[in-house]
Amino acid sequence: MGSTPAHAGTGRGTAGQTLTATPTSGVSRTGATVTVTGSGYDVTKGIYVAFCVDNGVGVAPSPCGGGIDTTGSTGASHWISSDPPSYGEGLAVPYGPGGSFRVTLTVNPRIGDVDCTVRRCVVASRADHTRTADRSQDVRVPVTFAAATPAPTRTPPAAAPATTGAGGAARTTPPAVAPTGAAGTPTGGAPAAAATAAAPAGTGGPAAPADAGDQAQVTRVSAAADTGRWWLVALVVPLLGMALLAGLRRRRRRRATS
């Protein structure tokens, strides 16, 4: 999200003072340096220039960033006076021609516990501590901060399709794909019963008995044994018949010769 372009703001006091601050809108939430210029101020009255919470017309802007900084060391406020008390000589910045001045302020979105993105905060001038009740030097320039950057939206990964396993437990496995020929006539025109008997477990068809292979082997061996017995009978019976005929012939010969 782009912030509003920063630009200058100007405020005017009841005695014709002009206070200008740059920038005053779209100020970074991490803080910024604001340039402040003034003109038309009464040079016989000292002022503070600071970033403060606005309390409305007729009420001193307060609290201010950096508090009352008589030394000007924090950069959050400045003391402008051409006739300061003796302890202020060398600390206060004198006015320029026509009651003018130029300073820079460090501006942040919080002043103590006050959130300046919610409360109205201003670059302000106000009478210094020698005239705290004097409101004639109050001039305000509102300051706004850039909009907060929204957090990026994260799209959660798509969940795998849930299936129910044994005992009702949920599991996330892709659906099984039946092999060719399962639950129907196998390729090649073999009978459906044979395909069902050979179907692997988990394909949807009935499971083959664990000893199906052994039974098939026994059946083949039994068939082979039966075939061998038939051949043996077919070979032995004629031989026995021939031996019997030969014995009868020998008897007949003996009788004929005796």
C-alpha atoms as a PDB file:
ATOM      1  CA  MET A   1       0.000   0.000   0.000  1.00  0.00           C
ATOM      2  CA  GLY A   2       1.477   3.358  -1.034  1.00  0.00           C
ATOM      3  CA  SER A   3       1.519   6.221   1.461  1.00  0.00           C
ATOM      4  CA  THR A   4       0.151   9.703   0.813  1.00  0.00           C
ATOM      5  CA  PRO A   5       2.896  11.927  -0.643  1.00  0.00           C
ATOM      6  CA  ALA A   6       4.478  14.088   2.070  1.00  0.00           C
ATOM      7  CA  HIS A   7       3.955  17.836   1.774  1.00  0.00           C
ATOM      8  CA  ALA A   8       4.222  21.004   3.817  1.00  0.00           C
ATOM      9  CA  GLY A   9       1.584  22.222   6.246  1.00  0.00           C
ATOM     10  CA  THR A  10       1.088  25.779   7.530  1.00  0.00           C
ATOM     11  CA  GLY A  11      -0.617  27.207  10.596  1.00  0.00           C
ATOM     12  CA  ARG A  12      -1.345  30.839  11.560  1.00  0.00           C
ATOM     13  CA  GLY A  13      -1.464  32.414  14.993  1.00  0.00           C
ATOM     14  CA  THR A  14      -3.812  35.047  16.415  1.00  0.00           C
ATOM     15  CA  ALA A  15      -1.116  37.732  16.123  1.00  0.00           C
ATOM     16  CA  GLY A  16      -0.305  36.956  12.486  1.00  0.00           C
ATOM     17  CA  GLN A  17       2.449  34.422  13.108  1.00  0.00           C
ATOM     18  CA  THR A  18       3.080  31.813  10.412  1.00  0.00           C
ATOM     19  CA  LEU A  19       4.373  28.325  11.216  1.00  0.00           C
ATOM     20  CA  THR A  20       5.280  25.914   8.396  1.00  0.00           C
ATOM     21  CA  ALA A  21       6.389  22.258   8.706  1.00  0.00           C
ATOM     22  CA  THR A  22       7.651  19.872   6.020  1.00  0.00           C
ATOM     23  CA  PRO A  23       6.561  17.064   5.757  1.00  0.00           C
ATOM     24  CA  THR A  24       3.250  16.857   7.615  1.00  0.00           C
ATOM     25  CA  SER A  25       1.412  13.954   5.927  1.00  0.00           C
ATOM     26  CA  GLY A  26       2.400  10.414   5.040  1.00  0.00           C
ATOM     27  CA  VAL A  27       5.192  10.644   7.622  1.00  0.00           C
ATOM     28  CA  SER A  28       7.011   7.346   8.152  1.00  0.00           C
ATOM     29  CA  ARG A  29       5.936   5.312  11.167  1.00  0.00           C
ATOM     30  CA  THR A  30       9.576   4.636  11.919  1.00  0.00           C
ATOM     31  CA  GLY A  31      10.146   8.347  12.500  1.00  0.00           C
ATOM     32  CA  ALA A  32      11.189  11.289  10.371  1.00  0.00           C
ATOM     33  CA  THR A  33      12.944  14.644  10.470  1.00  0.00           C
ATOM     34  CA  VAL A  34      10.615  17.610   9.987  1.00  0.00           C
ATOM     35  CA  THR A  35      11.858  21.033   8.957  1.00  0.00           C
ATOM     36  CA  VAL A  36      10.026  23.878  10.746  1.00  0.00           C
ATOM     37  CA  THR A  37      10.117  27.569   9.823  1.00  0.00           C
ATOM     38  CA  GLY A  38       8.348  30.515  11.471  1.00  0.00           C
ATOM     39  CA  SER A  39       7.861  34.207  10.861  1.00  0.00           C
ATOM     40  CA  GLY A  40       5.975  37.159  12.405  1.00  0.00           C
ATOM     41  CA  TYR A  41       6.632  36.147  16.026  1.00  0.00           C
ATOM     42  CA  ASP A  42       7.014  38.681  18.842  1.00  0.00           C
ATOM     43  CA  VAL A  43      10.767  38.781  19.469  1.00  0.00           C
ATOM     44  CA  THR A  44      10.203  39.923  23.075  1.00  0.00           C
ATOM     45  CA  LYS A  45       8.603  36.589  23.945  1.00  0.00           C
ATOM     46  CA  GLY A  46      10.454  33.307  23.950  1.00  0.00           C
ATOM     47  CA  ILE A  47       8.781  30.167  22.534  1.00  0.00           C
ATOM     48  CA  TYR A  48       9.219  26.412  22.358  1.00  0.00           C
ATOM     49  CA  VAL A  49       8.847  24.637  19.009  1.00  0.00           C
ATOM     50  CA  ALA A  50       8.036  20.949  19.430  1.00  0.00           C
ATOM     51  CA  PHE A  51       5.909  17.977  18.334  1.00  0.00           C
ATOM     52  CA  CYS A  52       3.019  17.829  20.819  1.00  0.00           C
ATOM     53  CA  VAL A  53      -0.409  16.367  21.510  1.00  0.00           C
ATOM     54  CA  ASP A  54      -3.088  18.868  20.477  1.00  0.00           C
ATOM     55  CA  ASN A  55      -5.501  19.704  23.300  1.00  0.00           C
ATOM     56  CA  GLY A  56      -7.561  22.208  21.331  1.00  0.00           C
ATOM     57  CA  VAL A  57      -7.738  26.015  21.072  1.00  0.00           C
ATOM     58  CA  GLY A  58      -6.993  27.876  24.273  1.00  0.00           C
ATOM     59  CA  VAL A  59      -5.145  24.938  25.868  1.00  0.00           C
ATOM     60  CA  ALA A  60      -1.357  24.542  25.685  1.00  0.00           C
ATOM     61  CA  PRO A  61      -0.202  21.745  23.341  1.00  0.00           C
ATOM     62  CA  SER A  62       1.073  19.054  25.717  1.00  0.00           C
ATOM     63  CA  PRO A  63       2.712  16.659  26.330  1.00  0.00           C
ATOM     64  CA  CYS A  64       5.456  17.207  23.778  1.00  0.00           C
ATOM     65  CA  GLY A  65       8.113  14.918  22.405  1.00  0.00           C
ATOM     66  CA  GLY A  66      11.256  15.345  24.478  1.00  0.00           C
ATOM     67  CA  GLY A  67       9.429  17.409  27.099  1.00  0.00           C
ATOM     68  CA  ILE A  68      10.659  20.940  27.759  1.00  0.00           C
ATOM     69  CA  ASP A  69      14.105  20.741  26.243  1.00  0.00           C
ATOM     70  CA  THR A  70      15.899  23.912  27.328  1.00  0.00           C
ATOM     71  CA  THR A  71      19.175  22.595  25.900  1.00  0.00           C
ATOM     72  CA  GLY A  72      17.889  21.615  22.453  1.00  0.00           C
ATOM     73  CA  SER A  73      20.024  18.446  22.660  1.00  0.00           C
ATOM     74  CA  THR A  74      17.301  15.859  21.952  1.00  0.00           C
ATOM     75  CA  GLY A  75      16.131  17.274  18.621  1.00  0.00           C
ATOM     76  CA  ALA A  76      12.521  16.804  19.766  1.00  0.00           C
ATOM     77  CA  SER A  77      12.021  20.469  20.697  1.00  0.00           C
ATOM     78  CA  HIS A  78      13.797  23.835  20.404  1.00  0.00           C
ATOM     79  CA  TRP A  79      13.874  26.983  22.506  1.00  0.00           C
ATOM     80  CA  ILE A  80      13.634  30.205  20.500  1.00  0.00           C
ATOM     81  CA  SER A  81      14.326  33.465  22.358  1.00  0.00           C
ATOM     82  CA  SER A  82      16.210  36.694  21.678  1.00  0.00           C
ATOM     83  CA  ASP A  83      16.101  37.722  25.363  1.00  0.00           C
ATOM     84  CA  PRO A  84      16.401  34.543  27.470  1.00  0.00           C
ATOM     85  CA  PRO A  85      17.247  34.441  31.175  1.00  0.00           C
ATOM     86  CA  SER A  86      20.957  34.424  31.925  1.00  0.00           C
ATOM     87  CA  TYR A  87      21.072  30.628  32.168  1.00  0.00           C
ATOM     88  CA  GLY A  88      19.593  30.458  28.658  1.00  0.00           C
ATOM     89  CA  GLU A  89      22.274  32.472  26.947  1.00  0.00           C
ATOM     90  CA  GLY A  90      24.008  30.252  24.469  1.00  0.00           C
ATOM     91  CA  LEU A  91      21.194  27.677  24.691  1.00  0.00           C
ATOM     92  CA  ALA A  92      18.212  29.488  23.223  1.00  0.00           C
ATOM     93  CA  VAL A  93      18.261  30.198  19.488  1.00  0.00           C
ATOM     94  CA  PRO A  94      17.631  33.917  18.786  1.00  0.00           C
ATOM     95  CA  TYR A  95      14.934  35.028  16.331  1.00  0.00           C
ATOM     96  CA  GLY A  96      15.915  36.084  12.848  1.00  0.00           C
ATOM     97  CA  PRO A  97      14.663  39.178  11.055  1.00  0.00           C
ATOM     98  CA  GLY A  98      10.900  39.757  11.401  1.00  0.00           C
ATOM     99  CA  GLY A  99      10.546  37.247  14.232  1.00  0.00           C
ATOM    100  CA  SER A 100      11.670  34.337  12.047  1.00  0.00           C
ATOM    101  CA  PHE A 101      13.420  31.047  12.783  1.00  0.00           C
ATOM    102  CA  ARG A 102      14.284  27.701  11.186  1.00  0.00           C
ATOM    103  CA  VAL A 103      14.791  24.418  13.085  1.00  0.00           C
ATOM    104  CA  THR A 104      14.425  20.658  12.556  1.00  0.00           C
ATOM    105  CA  LEU A 105      12.433  18.278  14.752  1.00  0.00           C
ATOM    106  CA  THR A 106      12.585  14.515  15.206  1.00  0.00           C
ATOM    107  CA  VAL A 107       9.015  13.216  14.873  1.00  0.00           C
ATOM    108  CA  ASN A 108       7.747   9.770  15.928  1.00  0.00           C
ATOM    109  CA  PRO A 109       4.205   8.310  16.024  1.00  0.00           C
ATOM    110  CA  ARG A 110       4.233   8.067  19.818  1.00  0.00           C
ATOM    111  CA  ILE A 111       4.599  10.769  22.446  1.00  0.00           C
ATOM    112  CA  GLY A 112       4.935   8.923  25.725  1.00  0.00           C
ATOM    113  CA  ASP A 113       1.815   6.775  26.010  1.00  0.00           C
ATOM    114  CA  VAL A 114      -0.056   8.717  23.324  1.00  0.00           C
ATOM    115  CA  ASP A 115      -0.454   7.101  19.892  1.00  0.00           C
ATOM    116  CA  CYS A 116      -0.330   9.909  17.328  1.00  0.00           C
ATOM    117  CA  THR A 117      -1.845   7.635  14.683  1.00  0.00           C
ATOM    118  CA  VAL A 118      -5.022   7.780  16.792  1.00  0.00           C
ATOM    119  CA  ARG A 119      -4.797  11.131  18.628  1.00  0.00           C
ATOM    120  CA  ARG A 120      -4.282  14.447  16.857  1.00  0.00           C
ATOM    121  CA  CYS A 121      -0.642  15.534  17.202  1.00  0.00           C
ATOM    122  CA  VAL A 122       0.852  18.759  15.876  1.00  0.00           C
ATOM    123  CA  VAL A 123       4.056  20.645  15.262  1.00  0.00           C
ATOM    124  CA  ALA A 124       3.454  23.546  17.616  1.00  0.00           C
ATOM    125  CA  SER A 125       4.891  26.759  18.935  1.00  0.00           C
ATOM    126  CA  ARG A 126       3.977  27.911  22.434  1.00  0.00           C
ATOM    127  CA  ALA A 127       5.299  30.437  24.968  1.00  0.00           C
ATOM    128  CA  ASP A 128       8.372  29.201  26.851  1.00  0.00           C
ATOM    129  CA  HIS A 129       8.560  28.435  30.581  1.00  0.00           C
ATOM    130  CA  THR A 130       8.886  32.123  31.440  1.00  0.00           C
ATOM    131  CA  ARG A 131       5.274  32.739  30.240  1.00  0.00           C
ATOM    132  CA  THR A 132       3.488  29.376  30.597  1.00  0.00           C
ATOM    133  CA  ALA A 133       0.023  30.980  30.769  1.00  0.00           C
ATOM    134  CA  ASP A 134       0.507  33.069  27.613  1.00  0.00           C
ATOM    135  CA  ARG A 135      -1.455  31.497  24.711  1.00  0.00           C
ATOM    136  CA  SER A 136      -0.649  34.268  22.205  1.00  0.00           C
ATOM    137  CA  GLN A 137       2.258  32.263  20.748  1.00  0.00           C
ATOM    138  CA  ASP A 138       0.293  29.063  20.195  1.00  0.00           C
ATOM    139  CA  VAL A 139       0.339  27.977  16.534  1.00  0.00           C
ATOM    140  CA  ARG A 140      -0.391  24.411  15.355  1.00  0.00           C
ATOM    141  CA  VAL A 141       0.349  22.373  12.213  1.00  0.00           C
ATOM    142  CA  PRO A 142      -1.275  18.879  12.205  1.00  0.00           C
ATOM    143  CA  VAL A 143       0.920  15.868  11.336  1.00  0.00           C
ATOM    144  CA  THR A 144      -0.379  12.529  10.006  1.00  0.00           C
ATOM    145  CA  PHE A 145       1.488   9.264   9.546  1.00  0.00           C
ATOM    146  CA  ALA A 146       1.545   6.743   6.732  1.00  0.00           C
ATOM    147  CA  ALA A 147      -1.002   3.939   6.814  1.00  0.00           C
ATOM    148  CA  ALA A 148       0.126   0.673   8.343  1.00  0.00           C
ATOM    149  CA  THR A 149       1.302  -1.939   5.864  1.00  0.00           C
ATOM    150  CA  PRO A 150      -1.090  -4.924   5.943  1.00  0.00           C
ATOM    151  CA  ALA A 151       0.395  -8.304   6.793  1.00  0.00           C
ATOM    152  CA  PRO A 152       0.740 -10.629   3.772  1.00  0.00           C
ATOM    153  CA  THR A 153      -2.049 -13.191   3.404  1.00  0.00           C
ATOM    154  CA  ARG A 154      -0.932 -16.777   3.443  1.00  0.00           C
ATOM    155  CA  THR A 155      -2.933 -19.440   1.656  1.00  0.00           C
ATOM    156  CA  PRO A 156      -2.881 -22.728   3.602  1.00  0.00           C
ATOM    157  CA  PRO A 157      -1.939 -25.844   1.572  1.00  0.00           C
ATOM    158  CA  ALA A 158      -4.822 -27.973   0.336  1.00  0.00           C
ATOM    159  CA  ALA A 159      -5.497 -30.967   2.584  1.00  0.00           C
ATOM    160  CA  ALA A 160      -5.253 -34.469   1.124  1.00  0.00           C
ATOM    161  CA  PRO A 161      -8.611 -36.286   0.801  1.00  0.00           C
ATOM    162  CA  ALA A 162      -9.386 -38.157   4.030  1.00  0.00           C
ATOM    163  CA  THR A 163     -10.547 -41.767   3.933  1.00  0.00           C
ATOM    164  CA  THR A 164     -11.572 -44.080   6.733  1.00  0.00           C
ATOM    165  CA  GLY A 165      -9.408 -47.066   7.493  1.00  0.00           C
ATOM    166  CA  ALA A 166      -9.902 -50.080   9.702  1.00  0.00           C
ATOM    167  CA  GLY A 167     -11.480 -49.308  13.079  1.00  0.00           C
ATOM    168  CA  GLY A 168     -12.796 -45.949  11.869  1.00  0.00           C
ATOM    169  CA  ALA A 169      -9.339 -44.281  11.956  1.00  0.00           C
ATOM    170  CA  ALA A 170      -8.889 -41.493   9.444  1.00  0.00           C
ATOM    171  CA  ARG A 171      -6.074 -41.781   6.924  1.00  0.00           C
ATOM    172  CA  THR A 172      -5.052 -39.655   3.964  1.00  0.00           C
ATOM    173  CA  THR A 173      -4.150 -42.036   1.126  1.00  0.00           C
ATOM    174  CA  PRO A 174      -5.056 -41.717  -2.538  1.00  0.00           C
ATOM    175  CA  PRO A 175      -7.729 -44.117  -3.785  1.00  0.00           C
ATOM    176  CA  ALA A 176      -6.403 -47.489  -4.921  1.00  0.00           C
ATOM    177  CA  VAL A 177      -6.457 -48.195  -8.650  1.00  0.00           C
ATOM    178  CA  ALA A 178      -7.702 -51.672  -9.527  1.00  0.00           C
ATOM    179  CA  PRO A 179      -5.348 -53.656 -11.843  1.00  0.00           C
ATOM    180  CA  THR A 180      -6.496 -54.603 -15.271  1.00  0.00           C
ATOM    181  CA  GLY A 181      -8.876 -57.535 -15.137  1.00  0.00           C
ATOM    182  CA  ALA A 182      -9.880 -57.173 -11.465  1.00  0.00           C
ATOM    183  CA  ALA A 183     -13.582 -57.457 -10.625  1.00  0.00           C
ATOM    184  CA  GLY A 184     -14.420 -58.566 -14.151  1.00  0.00           C
ATOM    185  CA  THR A 185     -13.317 -60.732 -17.048  1.00  0.00           C
ATOM    186  CA  PRO A 186      -9.484 -60.772 -17.332  1.00  0.00           C
ATOM    187  CA  THR A 187      -7.746 -59.714 -20.501  1.00  0.00           C
ATOM    188  CA  GLY A 188      -7.574 -62.561 -22.942  1.00  0.00           C
ATOM    189  CA  GLY A 189     -11.054 -63.970 -22.347  1.00  0.00           C
ATOM    190  CA  ALA A 190     -10.246 -66.124 -19.277  1.00  0.00           C
ATOM    191  CA  PRO A 191     -13.269 -67.018 -17.126  1.00  0.00           C
ATOM    192  CA  ALA A 192     -14.293 -64.487 -14.480  1.00  0.00           C
ATOM    193  CA  ALA A 193     -13.931 -67.104 -11.742  1.00  0.00           C
ATOM    194  CA  ALA A 194     -10.252 -67.555 -12.557  1.00  0.00           C
ATOM    195  CA  ALA A 195      -9.716 -63.780 -12.464  1.00  0.00           C
ATOM    196  CA  THR A 196     -11.473 -63.550  -9.131  1.00  0.00           C
ATOM    197  CA  ALA A 197      -9.322 -66.285  -7.636  1.00  0.00           C
ATOM    198  CA  ALA A 198      -6.151 -64.546  -8.830  1.00  0.00           C
ATOM    199  CA  ALA A 199      -7.190 -61.002  -7.787  1.00  0.00           C
ATOM    200  CA  PRO A 200      -4.665 -59.459  -5.351  1.00  0.00           C
ATOM    201  CA  ALA A 201      -5.861 -58.333  -1.903  1.00  0.00           C
ATOM    202  CA  GLY A 202      -7.223 -54.763  -1.757  1.00  0.00           C
ATOM    203  CA  THR A 203      -8.481 -54.532  -5.362  1.00  0.00           C
ATOM    204  CA  GLY A 204     -12.141 -55.027  -4.471  1.00  0.00           C
ATOM    205  CA  GLY A 205     -12.463 -58.722  -5.494  1.00  0.00           C
ATOM    206  CA  PRO A 206     -12.590 -61.673  -3.071  1.00  0.00           C
ATOM    207  CA  ALA A 207      -9.212 -62.737  -1.775  1.00  0.00           C
ATOM    208  CA  ALA A 208      -7.840 -66.048  -3.053  1.00  0.00           C
ATOM    209  CA  PRO A 209      -7.354 -68.745  -0.390  1.00  0.00           C
ATOM    210  CA  ALA A 210      -3.869 -68.903   1.030  1.00  0.00           C
ATOM    211  CA  ASP A 211      -3.406 -72.561  -0.161  1.00  0.00           C
ATOM    212  CA  ALA A 212      -4.863 -72.022  -3.633  1.00  0.00           C
ATOM    213  CA  GLY A 213      -1.466 -72.561  -5.266  1.00  0.00           C
ATOM    214  CA  ASP A 214      -0.844 -75.763  -3.273  1.00  0.00           C
ATOM    215  CA  GLN A 215      -4.269 -77.146  -4.182  1.00  0.00           C
ATOM    216  CA  ALA A 216      -3.642 -76.477  -7.864  1.00  0.00           C
ATOM    217  CA  GLN A 217      -0.261 -78.238  -7.637  1.00  0.00           C
ATOM    218  CA  VAL A 218      -1.781 -81.277  -5.850  1.00  0.00           C
ATOM    219  CA  THR A 219      -4.539 -81.470  -8.459  1.00  0.00           C
ATOM    220  CA  ARG A 220      -1.970 -81.492 -11.255  1.00  0.00           C
ATOM    221  CA  VAL A 221       0.115 -84.186  -9.534  1.00  0.00           C
ATOM    222  CA  SER A 222      -2.983 -86.326  -8.894  1.00  0.00           C
ATOM    223  CA  ALA A 223      -4.037 -86.058 -12.514  1.00  0.00           C
ATOM    224  CA  ALA A 224      -0.577 -87.064 -13.662  1.00  0.00           C
ATOM    225  CA  ALA A 225      -0.574 -90.074 -11.305  1.00  0.00           C
ATOM    226  CA  ASP A 226      -3.967 -91.255 -12.572  1.00  0.00           C
ATOM    227  CA  THR A 227      -2.770 -90.971 -16.170  1.00  0.00           C
ATOM    228  CA  GLY A 228       0.280 -93.094 -15.358  1.00  0.00           C
ATOM    229  CA  ARG A 229      -1.874 -95.859 -13.846  1.00  0.00           C
ATOM    230  CA  TRP A 230      -4.064 -96.010 -16.937  1.00  0.00           C
ATOM    231  CA  TRP A 231      -1.021 -96.461 -19.157  1.00  0.00           C
ATOM    232  CA  LEU A 232       0.283 -99.188 -16.861  1.00  0.00           C
ATOM    233  CA  VAL A 233      -3.005-101.110 -17.047  1.00  0.00           C
ATOM    234  CA  ALA A 234      -3.144-100.761 -20.828  1.00  0.00           C
ATOM    235  CA  LEU A 235       0.382-102.202 -21.122  1.00  0.00           C
ATOM    236  CA  VAL A 236       0.235-105.009 -18.538  1.00  0.00           C
ATOM    237  CA  VAL A 237      -3.169-106.518 -19.434  1.00  0.00           C
ATOM    238  CA  PRO A 238      -2.196-107.457 -23.057  1.00  0.00           C
ATOM    239  CA  LEU A 239       1.071-108.912 -21.820  1.00  0.00           C
ATOM    240  CA  LEU A 240      -0.784-111.042 -19.295  1.00  0.00           C
ATOM    241  CA  GLY A 241      -3.210-112.136 -21.996  1.00  0.00           C
ATOM    242  CA  MET A 242      -0.369-113.146 -24.334  1.00  0.00           C
ATOM    243  CA  ALA A 243       1.345-115.109 -21.564  1.00  0.00           C
ATOM    244  CA  LEU A 244      -1.894-116.919 -20.797  1.00  0.00           C
ATOM    245  CA  LEU A 245      -2.399-117.840 -24.489  1.00  0.00           C
ATOM    246  CA  ALA A 246       1.154-119.091 -24.739  1.00  0.00           C
ATOM    247  CA  GLY A 247       0.615-121.332 -21.694  1.00  0.00           C
ATOM    248  CA  LEU A 248      -2.575-122.787 -23.194  1.00  0.00           C
ATOM    249  CA  ARG A 249      -0.807-123.533 -26.430  1.00  0.00           C
ATOM    250  CA  ARG A 250       1.967-125.400 -24.660  1.00  0.00           C
ATOM    251  CA  ARG A 251      -0.597-127.551 -22.844  1.00  0.00           C
ATOM    252  CA  ARG A 252      -2.355-128.425 -26.045  1.00  0.00           C
ATOM    253  CA  ARG A 253       0.955-129.473 -27.637  1.00  0.00           C
ATOM    254  CA  ARG A 254       1.778-131.739 -24.732  1.00  0.00           C
ATOM    255  CA  ARG A 255      -1.596-133.430 -24.894  1.00  0.00           C
ATOM    256  CA  ALA A 256      -1.264-133.928 -28.604  1.00  0.00           C
ATOM    257  CA  THR A 257       2.105-135.628 -28.275  1.00  0.00           C
ATOM    258  CA  SER A 258       1.170-137.898 -25.371  1.00  0.00           C
END
